[in-house]
């Protein structure tokens, strides 16, 4: 499970840095993205990783990347708690931002996809479409939705997804196929009308 050779922990972390930063950028609460730099979260994560590295080496239950990802997400959750602890009951979004999965994942996927399928002139309807897409995603099986997030948005391999979720590789692959098909159905319902796209074109 551990990379072989004489690579230092810093070198191992640097090899995974871009992937970890992409994961943080995807999972980070939209309301604090302008105030929090993912690289700062990675810096805090590395400090914790270095502190616990010897402990990990004694009993590595998961691959080192999955272990680093777990710690990085824990640090991201700490940032969420810091920014939202005074507003915990302000609205529905803030109540679930402390978790890196479930409803928070729905919001992350929804905002990512809406940015892809709407044009700047459709900004007025963006919030409404995001809410519709989020609610549709929440109707999916939670594990299927998380498999989708890990594979499609975190861009992890099937083996890593299986390891993170405690599934067999076959089960993880089957769930991804099912989730991708369901996402296609959802997007077909949300996708703007082609005539709207034509109106938005210069």
N, C-alpha and C. Protein backbone atom coordinates (compact mmCIF):
# COMPACT_ATOMS: atom_id res chain seq x y z
N UNK A 1 0.81 -1.21 0.00
CA UNK A 1 0.00 0.00 0.00
C UNK A 1 0.85 1.27 0.00
N UNK A 2 2.04 1.19 0.54
CA UNK A 2 2.90 2.35 0.68
C UNK A 2 3.84 2.42 -0.51
N UNK A 3 4.08 3.64 -1.06
CA UNK A 3 5.01 3.77 -2.14
C UNK A 3 6.38 3.27 -1.73
N UNK A 4 7.03 2.52 -2.64
CA UNK A 4 8.34 1.97 -2.34
C UNK A 4 9.42 3.00 -2.60
N UNK A 5 10.68 2.64 -2.24
CA UNK A 5 11.81 3.52 -2.48
C UNK A 5 12.06 4.44 -1.31
N UNK A 6 12.93 5.42 -1.55
CA UNK A 6 13.39 6.29 -0.48
C UNK A 6 12.73 7.67 -0.53
N UNK A 7 11.64 7.76 -1.24
CA UNK A 7 10.96 9.05 -1.33
C UNK A 7 10.58 9.56 0.05
N UNK A 8 10.82 10.82 0.27
CA UNK A 8 10.43 11.42 1.55
C UNK A 8 8.94 11.66 1.56
N UNK A 9 8.39 11.88 2.73
CA UNK A 9 6.97 12.18 2.86
C UNK A 9 6.62 13.41 2.04
N UNK A 10 7.49 14.41 2.05
CA UNK A 10 7.21 15.63 1.30
C UNK A 10 7.09 15.34 -0.19
N UNK A 11 7.94 14.47 -0.70
CA UNK A 11 7.88 14.11 -2.12
C UNK A 11 6.60 13.33 -2.44
N UNK A 12 6.21 12.45 -1.54
CA UNK A 12 4.97 11.69 -1.74
C UNK A 12 3.78 12.64 -1.75
N UNK A 13 3.76 13.58 -0.80
CA UNK A 13 2.66 14.54 -0.72
C UNK A 13 2.62 15.41 -1.97
N UNK A 14 3.78 15.87 -2.42
CA UNK A 14 3.82 16.71 -3.62
C UNK A 14 3.30 15.96 -4.84
N UNK A 15 3.54 14.66 -4.89
CA UNK A 15 3.06 13.86 -6.02
C UNK A 15 1.54 13.82 -6.06
N UNK A 16 0.90 13.98 -4.89
CA UNK A 16 -0.57 13.92 -4.81
C UNK A 16 -1.20 15.30 -4.64
N UNK A 17 -0.38 16.34 -4.57
CA UNK A 17 -0.88 17.67 -4.23
C UNK A 17 -1.98 18.16 -5.18
N UNK A 18 -1.75 18.05 -6.47
CA UNK A 18 -2.74 18.57 -7.43
C UNK A 18 -4.08 17.87 -7.29
N UNK A 19 -4.05 16.57 -7.07
CA UNK A 19 -5.31 15.82 -6.92
C UNK A 19 -6.01 16.24 -5.63
N UNK A 20 -5.26 16.40 -4.57
CA UNK A 20 -5.86 16.81 -3.30
C UNK A 20 -6.44 18.22 -3.38
N UNK A 21 -5.74 19.10 -4.09
CA UNK A 21 -6.23 20.47 -4.23
C UNK A 21 -7.51 20.51 -5.05
N UNK A 22 -7.58 19.66 -6.08
CA UNK A 22 -8.80 19.59 -6.89
C UNK A 22 -9.97 19.09 -6.05
N UNK A 23 -9.70 18.12 -5.17
CA UNK A 23 -10.75 17.58 -4.31
C UNK A 23 -11.27 18.65 -3.36
N UNK A 24 -10.35 19.42 -2.76
CA UNK A 24 -10.76 20.49 -1.85
C UNK A 24 -11.58 21.54 -2.59
N UNK A 25 -11.13 21.91 -3.79
CA UNK A 25 -11.86 22.92 -4.56
C UNK A 25 -13.27 22.45 -4.88
N UNK A 26 -13.44 21.17 -5.13
CA UNK A 26 -14.76 20.62 -5.43
C UNK A 26 -15.65 20.56 -4.19
N UNK A 27 -15.07 20.17 -3.06
CA UNK A 27 -15.86 19.96 -1.84
C UNK A 27 -16.06 21.23 -1.02
N UNK A 28 -15.26 22.24 -1.23
CA UNK A 28 -15.32 23.43 -0.40
C UNK A 28 -16.66 24.15 -0.57
N UNK A 29 -17.23 24.59 0.54
CA UNK A 29 -18.52 25.26 0.51
C UNK A 29 -18.47 26.49 -0.39
N UNK A 30 -19.42 26.63 -1.33
CA UNK A 30 -19.41 27.77 -2.25
C UNK A 30 -19.36 29.12 -1.55
N UNK A 31 -20.02 29.23 -0.40
CA UNK A 31 -20.10 30.53 0.27
C UNK A 31 -18.77 31.00 0.85
N UNK A 32 -17.78 30.11 0.96
CA UNK A 32 -16.49 30.54 1.50
C UNK A 32 -15.36 30.36 0.50
N UNK A 33 -15.68 29.99 -0.73
CA UNK A 33 -14.63 29.78 -1.72
C UNK A 33 -13.83 31.03 -2.00
N UNK A 34 -14.46 32.19 -1.90
CA UNK A 34 -13.74 33.45 -2.15
C UNK A 34 -12.87 33.86 -0.98
N UNK A 35 -13.08 33.21 0.17
CA UNK A 35 -12.32 33.58 1.37
C UNK A 35 -11.29 32.53 1.77
N UNK A 36 -11.38 31.34 1.21
CA UNK A 36 -10.49 30.25 1.61
C UNK A 36 -9.73 29.73 0.40
N UNK A 37 -8.41 29.68 0.53
CA UNK A 37 -7.57 29.16 -0.54
C UNK A 37 -7.33 27.67 -0.27
N UNK A 38 -7.65 26.79 -1.22
CA UNK A 38 -7.40 25.36 -1.02
C UNK A 38 -5.96 25.04 -0.63
N UNK A 39 -5.02 25.83 -1.10
CA UNK A 39 -3.62 25.58 -0.75
C UNK A 39 -3.36 25.76 0.74
N UNK A 40 -4.12 26.65 1.38
CA UNK A 40 -3.98 26.83 2.84
C UNK A 40 -4.47 25.59 3.57
N UNK A 41 -5.56 25.01 3.09
CA UNK A 41 -6.06 23.77 3.69
C UNK A 41 -5.04 22.65 3.51
N UNK A 42 -4.44 22.58 2.33
CA UNK A 42 -3.42 21.55 2.09
C UNK A 42 -2.22 21.73 3.00
N UNK A 43 -1.87 22.96 3.28
CA UNK A 43 -0.74 23.20 4.18
C UNK A 43 -1.04 22.68 5.58
N UNK A 44 -2.26 22.96 6.06
CA UNK A 44 -2.65 22.45 7.37
C UNK A 44 -2.73 20.93 7.36
N UNK A 45 -3.21 20.38 6.26
CA UNK A 45 -3.31 18.93 6.15
C UNK A 45 -1.93 18.29 6.19
N UNK A 46 -0.98 18.90 5.51
CA UNK A 46 0.37 18.32 5.48
C UNK A 46 1.00 18.30 6.88
N UNK A 47 0.77 19.34 7.65
CA UNK A 47 1.29 19.37 9.02
C UNK A 47 0.74 18.20 9.82
N UNK A 48 -0.56 17.93 9.67
CA UNK A 48 -1.18 16.82 10.38
C UNK A 48 -0.70 15.48 9.84
N UNK A 49 -0.54 15.40 8.54
CA UNK A 49 -0.04 14.17 7.91
C UNK A 49 1.37 13.86 8.41
N UNK A 50 2.22 14.87 8.47
CA UNK A 50 3.59 14.66 8.95
C UNK A 50 3.60 14.22 10.40
N UNK A 51 2.69 14.79 11.19
CA UNK A 51 2.63 14.43 12.61
C UNK A 51 2.21 12.98 12.81
N UNK A 52 1.33 12.49 11.95
CA UNK A 52 0.77 11.15 12.12
C UNK A 52 1.39 10.09 11.20
N UNK A 53 2.42 10.48 10.44
CA UNK A 53 2.96 9.58 9.42
C UNK A 53 3.53 8.30 10.02
N UNK A 54 4.31 8.43 11.10
CA UNK A 54 4.89 7.23 11.72
C UNK A 54 3.80 6.28 12.20
N UNK A 55 2.73 6.86 12.73
CA UNK A 55 1.59 6.04 13.18
C UNK A 55 0.96 5.31 12.00
N UNK A 56 0.85 5.98 10.89
CA UNK A 56 0.29 5.35 9.69
C UNK A 56 1.16 4.19 9.23
N UNK A 57 2.47 4.38 9.24
CA UNK A 57 3.38 3.35 8.76
C UNK A 57 3.30 2.07 9.58
N UNK A 58 2.98 2.20 10.87
CA UNK A 58 2.88 1.02 11.73
C UNK A 58 1.71 0.13 11.31
N UNK A 59 0.60 0.75 10.89
CA UNK A 59 -0.59 -0.04 10.55
C UNK A 59 -1.36 0.64 9.43
N UNK A 60 -0.87 0.57 8.20
CA UNK A 60 -1.54 1.23 7.08
C UNK A 60 -2.77 0.47 6.61
N UNK A 61 -3.94 0.92 7.03
CA UNK A 61 -5.18 0.22 6.69
C UNK A 61 -5.67 0.57 5.29
N UNK A 62 -5.23 1.70 4.76
CA UNK A 62 -5.62 2.12 3.41
C UNK A 62 -4.36 2.62 2.70
N UNK A 63 -4.48 2.83 1.40
CA UNK A 63 -3.35 3.36 0.64
C UNK A 63 -3.01 4.76 1.14
N UNK A 64 -1.79 5.18 0.88
CA UNK A 64 -1.35 6.46 1.42
C UNK A 64 -2.14 7.63 0.83
N UNK A 65 -2.52 7.53 -0.43
CA UNK A 65 -3.32 8.62 -1.01
C UNK A 65 -4.67 8.73 -0.32
N UNK A 66 -5.33 7.60 -0.11
CA UNK A 66 -6.64 7.62 0.55
C UNK A 66 -6.50 8.16 1.97
N UNK A 67 -5.42 7.80 2.64
CA UNK A 67 -5.17 8.30 4.00
C UNK A 67 -4.97 9.81 3.98
N UNK A 68 -4.16 10.31 3.04
CA UNK A 68 -3.93 11.75 2.93
C UNK A 68 -5.22 12.48 2.58
N UNK A 69 -6.04 11.88 1.74
CA UNK A 69 -7.31 12.48 1.39
C UNK A 69 -8.21 12.60 2.61
N UNK A 70 -8.26 11.58 3.45
CA UNK A 70 -9.08 11.61 4.65
C UNK A 70 -8.67 12.76 5.56
N UNK A 71 -7.39 12.92 5.77
CA UNK A 71 -6.90 13.99 6.64
C UNK A 71 -7.18 15.36 6.02
N UNK A 72 -6.99 15.47 4.71
CA UNK A 72 -7.25 16.73 4.03
C UNK A 72 -8.71 17.14 4.16
N UNK A 73 -9.63 16.19 4.01
CA UNK A 73 -11.05 16.50 4.16
C UNK A 73 -11.39 16.85 5.61
N UNK A 74 -10.71 16.23 6.56
CA UNK A 74 -10.93 16.59 7.96
C UNK A 74 -10.55 18.05 8.20
N UNK A 75 -9.44 18.47 7.60
CA UNK A 75 -9.02 19.87 7.74
C UNK A 75 -9.99 20.81 7.05
N UNK A 76 -10.54 20.40 5.92
CA UNK A 76 -11.54 21.21 5.24
C UNK A 76 -12.79 21.36 6.11
N UNK A 77 -13.20 20.28 6.76
CA UNK A 77 -14.35 20.34 7.66
C UNK A 77 -14.09 21.28 8.83
N UNK A 78 -12.85 21.31 9.31
CA UNK A 78 -12.49 22.25 10.38
C UNK A 78 -12.70 23.69 9.92
N UNK A 79 -12.33 23.96 8.66
CA UNK A 79 -12.52 25.29 8.11
C UNK A 79 -14.01 25.62 8.02
N UNK A 80 -14.81 24.66 7.59
CA UNK A 80 -16.26 24.87 7.54
C UNK A 80 -16.80 25.21 8.92
N UNK A 81 -16.37 24.47 9.92
CA UNK A 81 -16.86 24.72 11.28
C UNK A 81 -16.48 26.13 11.73
N UNK A 82 -15.26 26.55 11.40
CA UNK A 82 -14.79 27.87 11.80
C UNK A 82 -15.63 28.97 11.18
N UNK A 83 -16.00 28.81 9.92
CA UNK A 83 -16.73 29.86 9.21
C UNK A 83 -18.23 29.83 9.47
N UNK A 84 -18.77 28.66 9.85
CA UNK A 84 -20.22 28.55 9.95
C UNK A 84 -20.73 28.32 11.38
N UNK A 85 -19.85 28.27 12.35
CA UNK A 85 -20.31 27.93 13.70
C UNK A 85 -21.27 28.98 14.26
N UNK A 86 -21.11 30.24 13.84
CA UNK A 86 -22.00 31.28 14.34
C UNK A 86 -23.30 31.36 13.55
N UNK A 87 -23.38 30.62 12.42
CA UNK A 87 -24.55 30.71 11.55
C UNK A 87 -25.17 29.35 11.33
N UNK A 88 -24.95 28.45 12.27
CA UNK A 88 -25.34 27.06 12.07
C UNK A 88 -26.82 26.89 11.75
N UNK A 89 -27.66 27.77 12.30
CA UNK A 89 -29.08 27.63 12.08
C UNK A 89 -29.64 28.67 11.11
N UNK A 90 -28.76 29.37 10.42
CA UNK A 90 -29.23 30.45 9.56
C UNK A 90 -30.04 29.96 8.38
N UNK A 91 -29.58 28.89 7.73
CA UNK A 91 -30.34 28.33 6.62
C UNK A 91 -29.93 26.89 6.40
N UNK A 92 -30.66 26.25 5.50
CA UNK A 92 -30.49 24.81 5.27
C UNK A 92 -29.08 24.48 4.79
N UNK A 93 -28.54 25.30 3.91
CA UNK A 93 -27.22 25.02 3.36
C UNK A 93 -26.16 24.98 4.47
N UNK A 94 -26.18 25.96 5.35
CA UNK A 94 -25.14 26.03 6.36
C UNK A 94 -25.21 24.87 7.35
N UNK A 95 -26.39 24.28 7.53
CA UNK A 95 -26.51 23.19 8.49
C UNK A 95 -25.81 21.93 8.02
N UNK A 96 -25.71 21.72 6.71
CA UNK A 96 -25.10 20.47 6.27
C UNK A 96 -23.70 20.64 5.69
N UNK A 97 -23.16 21.85 5.72
CA UNK A 97 -21.84 22.07 5.13
C UNK A 97 -20.71 21.42 5.91
N UNK A 98 -20.97 20.98 7.12
CA UNK A 98 -19.90 20.35 7.90
C UNK A 98 -19.55 18.97 7.39
N UNK A 99 -20.38 18.37 6.58
CA UNK A 99 -20.11 17.03 6.06
C UNK A 99 -19.56 17.10 4.64
N UNK A 100 -18.53 16.28 4.32
CA UNK A 100 -17.97 16.32 2.97
C UNK A 100 -18.76 15.48 1.99
N UNK A 101 -19.84 14.81 2.44
CA UNK A 101 -20.64 13.98 1.56
C UNK A 101 -22.10 14.36 1.70
N UNK A 102 -22.99 13.46 1.28
CA UNK A 102 -24.43 13.64 1.40
C UNK A 102 -24.89 14.92 0.72
N UNK A 103 -25.65 15.77 1.44
CA UNK A 103 -26.25 16.95 0.81
C UNK A 103 -25.20 17.94 0.33
N UNK A 104 -24.09 18.05 1.06
CA UNK A 104 -23.03 18.95 0.61
C UNK A 104 -22.49 18.52 -0.74
N UNK A 105 -22.40 17.20 -0.97
CA UNK A 105 -21.97 16.69 -2.26
C UNK A 105 -22.96 17.08 -3.34
N UNK A 106 -24.24 17.00 -3.04
CA UNK A 106 -25.27 17.40 -4.01
C UNK A 106 -25.06 18.85 -4.43
N UNK A 107 -24.81 19.71 -3.47
CA UNK A 107 -24.61 21.12 -3.78
C UNK A 107 -23.38 21.32 -4.64
N UNK A 108 -22.30 20.63 -4.32
CA UNK A 108 -21.07 20.76 -5.09
C UNK A 108 -21.27 20.30 -6.53
N UNK A 109 -21.91 19.14 -6.69
CA UNK A 109 -22.16 18.63 -8.04
C UNK A 109 -23.09 19.58 -8.80
N UNK A 110 -24.13 20.03 -8.15
CA UNK A 110 -25.10 20.90 -8.81
C UNK A 110 -24.46 22.18 -9.31
N UNK A 111 -23.68 22.83 -8.47
CA UNK A 111 -23.05 24.09 -8.87
C UNK A 111 -22.05 23.86 -9.99
N UNK A 112 -21.32 22.76 -9.92
CA UNK A 112 -20.34 22.44 -10.96
C UNK A 112 -21.04 22.26 -12.30
N UNK A 113 -22.12 21.49 -12.31
CA UNK A 113 -22.82 21.20 -13.56
C UNK A 113 -23.55 22.42 -14.10
N UNK A 114 -24.15 23.21 -13.23
CA UNK A 114 -24.85 24.39 -13.68
C UNK A 114 -23.89 25.37 -14.35
N UNK A 115 -22.67 25.48 -13.80
CA UNK A 115 -21.66 26.34 -14.44
C UNK A 115 -21.35 25.87 -15.84
N UNK A 116 -21.47 24.55 -16.06
CA UNK A 116 -21.13 23.99 -17.36
C UNK A 116 -22.26 24.18 -18.39
N UNK A 117 -23.50 24.17 -17.93
CA UNK A 117 -24.61 24.14 -18.89
C UNK A 117 -25.37 25.46 -19.01
N UNK A 118 -24.97 26.47 -18.23
CA UNK A 118 -25.64 27.76 -18.36
C UNK A 118 -24.66 28.81 -18.86
N UNK A 119 -25.19 29.80 -19.53
CA UNK A 119 -24.38 30.89 -20.06
C UNK A 119 -24.47 32.08 -19.12
N UNK A 120 -23.57 33.07 -19.26
CA UNK A 120 -23.62 34.24 -18.38
C UNK A 120 -24.97 34.95 -18.39
N UNK A 121 -25.64 34.98 -19.56
CA UNK A 121 -26.92 35.68 -19.64
C UNK A 121 -28.03 34.94 -18.93
N UNK A 122 -27.77 33.70 -18.52
CA UNK A 122 -28.77 32.92 -17.80
C UNK A 122 -28.54 32.97 -16.30
N UNK A 123 -27.74 33.92 -15.84
CA UNK A 123 -27.40 33.99 -14.43
C UNK A 123 -28.62 34.16 -13.55
N UNK A 124 -29.65 34.80 -14.09
CA UNK A 124 -30.85 35.04 -13.30
C UNK A 124 -31.52 33.74 -12.90
N UNK A 125 -31.49 32.74 -13.79
CA UNK A 125 -32.14 31.47 -13.49
C UNK A 125 -31.17 30.46 -12.89
N UNK A 126 -29.91 30.83 -12.75
CA UNK A 126 -28.92 29.87 -12.28
C UNK A 126 -29.25 29.33 -10.90
N UNK A 127 -29.64 30.21 -9.96
CA UNK A 127 -29.95 29.76 -8.60
C UNK A 127 -31.11 28.79 -8.60
N UNK A 128 -32.14 29.09 -9.40
CA UNK A 128 -33.30 28.21 -9.46
C UNK A 128 -32.92 26.85 -10.05
N UNK A 129 -32.12 26.85 -11.11
CA UNK A 129 -31.70 25.60 -11.74
C UNK A 129 -30.80 24.80 -10.80
N UNK A 130 -29.93 25.49 -10.06
CA UNK A 130 -29.06 24.81 -9.10
C UNK A 130 -29.89 24.10 -8.05
N UNK A 131 -30.93 24.78 -7.55
CA UNK A 131 -31.79 24.16 -6.54
C UNK A 131 -32.53 22.96 -7.10
N UNK A 132 -33.03 23.07 -8.32
CA UNK A 132 -33.73 21.94 -8.95
C UNK A 132 -32.79 20.76 -9.12
N UNK A 133 -31.58 21.03 -9.60
CA UNK A 133 -30.61 19.97 -9.81
C UNK A 133 -30.18 19.35 -8.49
N UNK A 134 -30.01 20.18 -7.48
CA UNK A 134 -29.63 19.67 -6.16
C UNK A 134 -30.69 18.74 -5.60
N UNK A 135 -31.93 19.13 -5.71
CA UNK A 135 -33.02 18.29 -5.20
C UNK A 135 -33.10 16.97 -5.97
N UNK A 136 -32.86 17.03 -7.28
CA UNK A 136 -32.87 15.80 -8.07
C UNK A 136 -31.74 14.88 -7.66
N UNK A 137 -30.57 15.45 -7.40
CA UNK A 137 -29.43 14.65 -6.98
C UNK A 137 -29.67 14.01 -5.62
N UNK A 138 -30.39 14.73 -4.76
CA UNK A 138 -30.68 14.20 -3.44
C UNK A 138 -31.60 12.98 -3.51
N UNK A 139 -32.30 12.82 -4.62
CA UNK A 139 -33.18 11.67 -4.78
C UNK A 139 -32.40 10.40 -5.12
N UNK A 140 -31.13 10.55 -5.48
CA UNK A 140 -30.30 9.40 -5.81
C UNK A 140 -29.90 8.65 -4.55
N UNK A 141 -29.57 7.38 -4.70
CA UNK A 141 -29.00 6.62 -3.60
C UNK A 141 -27.71 7.30 -3.16
N UNK A 142 -27.51 7.46 -1.84
CA UNK A 142 -26.38 8.24 -1.33
C UNK A 142 -25.03 7.67 -1.77
N UNK A 143 -24.89 6.35 -1.72
CA UNK A 143 -23.62 5.74 -2.11
C UNK A 143 -23.39 5.92 -3.61
N UNK A 144 -24.43 5.74 -4.42
CA UNK A 144 -24.30 5.96 -5.86
C UNK A 144 -23.85 7.39 -6.15
N UNK A 145 -24.44 8.32 -5.43
CA UNK A 145 -24.10 9.73 -5.63
C UNK A 145 -22.65 10.00 -5.25
N UNK A 146 -22.20 9.37 -4.17
CA UNK A 146 -20.83 9.57 -3.75
C UNK A 146 -19.85 8.91 -4.72
N UNK A 147 -20.21 7.75 -5.24
CA UNK A 147 -19.38 7.10 -6.26
C UNK A 147 -19.23 8.03 -7.45
N UNK A 148 -20.32 8.66 -7.83
CA UNK A 148 -20.30 9.60 -8.95
C UNK A 148 -19.37 10.77 -8.65
N UNK A 149 -19.46 11.31 -7.45
CA UNK A 149 -18.61 12.43 -7.08
C UNK A 149 -17.14 12.04 -7.10
N UNK A 150 -16.84 10.86 -6.57
CA UNK A 150 -15.45 10.42 -6.49
C UNK A 150 -14.86 10.14 -7.87
N UNK A 151 -15.63 9.46 -8.71
CA UNK A 151 -15.14 9.09 -10.03
C UNK A 151 -15.13 10.28 -10.99
N UNK A 152 -16.28 10.96 -11.08
CA UNK A 152 -16.44 11.96 -12.12
C UNK A 152 -15.86 13.32 -11.75
N UNK A 153 -15.99 13.72 -10.49
CA UNK A 153 -15.59 15.06 -10.10
C UNK A 153 -14.25 15.09 -9.36
N UNK A 154 -13.98 14.10 -8.52
CA UNK A 154 -12.65 14.01 -7.91
C UNK A 154 -11.67 13.30 -8.84
N UNK A 155 -12.21 12.64 -9.87
CA UNK A 155 -11.41 11.96 -10.89
C UNK A 155 -10.50 10.87 -10.29
N UNK A 156 -11.07 10.10 -9.37
CA UNK A 156 -10.34 8.99 -8.77
C UNK A 156 -10.60 7.72 -9.57
N UNK A 157 -9.68 6.77 -9.45
CA UNK A 157 -9.85 5.50 -10.12
C UNK A 157 -10.83 4.61 -9.37
N UNK A 158 -11.32 3.59 -10.05
CA UNK A 158 -12.31 2.71 -9.46
C UNK A 158 -11.79 2.02 -8.20
N UNK A 159 -10.52 1.62 -8.21
CA UNK A 159 -9.94 0.94 -7.05
C UNK A 159 -9.92 1.86 -5.83
N UNK A 160 -9.61 3.14 -6.05
CA UNK A 160 -9.59 4.09 -4.94
C UNK A 160 -10.99 4.35 -4.42
N UNK A 161 -11.95 4.43 -5.32
CA UNK A 161 -13.34 4.62 -4.90
C UNK A 161 -13.79 3.45 -4.04
N UNK A 162 -13.47 2.25 -4.49
CA UNK A 162 -13.84 1.05 -3.72
C UNK A 162 -13.20 1.08 -2.35
N UNK A 163 -11.96 1.51 -2.28
CA UNK A 163 -11.24 1.56 -1.00
C UNK A 163 -11.86 2.59 -0.06
N UNK A 164 -12.19 3.75 -0.58
CA UNK A 164 -12.77 4.81 0.24
C UNK A 164 -14.12 4.42 0.81
N UNK A 165 -14.94 3.76 -0.01
CA UNK A 165 -16.31 3.44 0.39
C UNK A 165 -16.47 2.03 0.96
N UNK A 166 -15.37 1.26 0.99
CA UNK A 166 -15.46 -0.09 1.53
C UNK A 166 -16.25 -1.03 0.64
N UNK A 167 -16.15 -0.83 -0.67
CA UNK A 167 -16.84 -1.69 -1.63
C UNK A 167 -15.82 -2.55 -2.37
N UNK A 168 -16.31 -3.60 -3.02
CA UNK A 168 -15.44 -4.34 -3.92
C UNK A 168 -15.30 -3.51 -5.20
N UNK A 169 -14.21 -3.68 -5.94
CA UNK A 169 -14.07 -2.94 -7.20
C UNK A 169 -15.24 -3.16 -8.16
N UNK A 170 -15.75 -4.40 -8.21
CA UNK A 170 -16.89 -4.69 -9.08
C UNK A 170 -18.12 -3.91 -8.65
N UNK A 171 -18.38 -3.90 -7.35
CA UNK A 171 -19.55 -3.17 -6.84
C UNK A 171 -19.42 -1.67 -7.10
N UNK A 172 -18.21 -1.14 -6.90
CA UNK A 172 -17.98 0.29 -7.14
C UNK A 172 -18.20 0.62 -8.62
N UNK A 173 -17.73 -0.25 -9.50
CA UNK A 173 -17.89 -0.03 -10.94
C UNK A 173 -19.36 -0.08 -11.33
N UNK A 174 -20.09 -1.06 -10.81
CA UNK A 174 -21.52 -1.18 -11.13
C UNK A 174 -22.31 0.04 -10.64
N UNK A 175 -21.97 0.51 -9.45
CA UNK A 175 -22.66 1.67 -8.90
C UNK A 175 -22.36 2.92 -9.73
N UNK A 176 -21.13 3.04 -10.23
CA UNK A 176 -20.79 4.21 -11.04
C UNK A 176 -21.58 4.21 -12.34
N UNK A 177 -21.69 3.05 -12.97
CA UNK A 177 -22.44 2.95 -14.22
C UNK A 177 -23.90 3.35 -13.99
N UNK A 178 -24.46 2.86 -12.89
CA UNK A 178 -25.85 3.18 -12.57
C UNK A 178 -26.02 4.67 -12.26
N UNK A 179 -25.08 5.21 -11.50
CA UNK A 179 -25.17 6.63 -11.12
C UNK A 179 -24.98 7.53 -12.33
N UNK A 180 -24.06 7.16 -13.22
CA UNK A 180 -23.82 7.98 -14.42
C UNK A 180 -25.06 8.00 -15.31
N UNK A 181 -25.73 6.86 -15.41
CA UNK A 181 -26.95 6.80 -16.21
C UNK A 181 -28.04 7.69 -15.60
N UNK A 182 -28.16 7.64 -14.27
CA UNK A 182 -29.16 8.47 -13.59
C UNK A 182 -28.82 9.94 -13.74
N UNK A 183 -27.54 10.30 -13.67
CA UNK A 183 -27.14 11.69 -13.85
C UNK A 183 -27.51 12.17 -15.26
N UNK A 184 -27.32 11.31 -16.25
CA UNK A 184 -27.70 11.67 -17.61
C UNK A 184 -29.18 11.98 -17.71
N UNK A 185 -30.01 11.19 -17.02
CA UNK A 185 -31.45 11.44 -17.01
C UNK A 185 -31.77 12.78 -16.35
N UNK A 186 -31.09 13.05 -15.25
CA UNK A 186 -31.32 14.30 -14.52
C UNK A 186 -30.93 15.50 -15.38
N UNK A 187 -29.78 15.42 -16.03
CA UNK A 187 -29.31 16.53 -16.86
C UNK A 187 -30.23 16.76 -18.06
N UNK A 188 -30.80 15.68 -18.58
CA UNK A 188 -31.73 15.82 -19.70
C UNK A 188 -32.96 16.64 -19.28
N UNK A 189 -33.33 16.54 -18.02
CA UNK A 189 -34.48 17.28 -17.51
C UNK A 189 -34.12 18.73 -17.20
N UNK A 190 -32.84 18.96 -16.84
CA UNK A 190 -32.41 20.30 -16.43
C UNK A 190 -31.85 21.12 -17.59
N UNK A 191 -31.28 20.46 -18.58
CA UNK A 191 -30.60 21.13 -19.69
C UNK A 191 -31.47 22.23 -20.29
N UNK A 192 -30.91 23.44 -20.47
CA UNK A 192 -31.69 24.54 -21.05
C UNK A 192 -32.20 24.19 -22.44
N UNK A 193 -33.32 24.76 -22.81
CA UNK A 193 -33.90 24.55 -24.12
C UNK A 193 -32.93 25.04 -25.20
N UNK A 194 -32.73 24.26 -26.30
CA UNK A 194 -31.83 24.69 -27.36
C UNK A 194 -32.16 26.07 -27.91
N UNK A 195 -33.44 26.44 -27.93
CA UNK A 195 -33.83 27.77 -28.40
C UNK A 195 -33.28 28.85 -27.49
N UNK A 196 -33.21 28.54 -26.17
CA UNK A 196 -32.63 29.49 -25.23
C UNK A 196 -31.16 29.68 -25.51
N UNK A 197 -30.47 28.55 -25.81
CA UNK A 197 -29.05 28.61 -26.13
C UNK A 197 -28.83 29.50 -27.37
N UNK A 198 -29.76 29.36 -28.38
CA UNK A 198 -29.61 30.12 -29.60
C UNK A 198 -29.79 31.62 -29.32
N UNK A 199 -30.75 31.94 -28.43
CA UNK A 199 -30.96 33.34 -28.08
C UNK A 199 -29.75 33.92 -27.38
N UNK A 200 -29.05 33.07 -26.59
CA UNK A 200 -27.89 33.55 -25.83
C UNK A 200 -26.67 33.72 -26.72
N UNK A 201 -26.67 33.11 -27.91
CA UNK A 201 -25.50 33.18 -28.78
C UNK A 201 -25.38 34.57 -29.35
N UNK A 202 -24.13 35.05 -29.53
CA UNK A 202 -23.95 36.41 -30.10
C UNK A 202 -24.41 36.47 -31.54
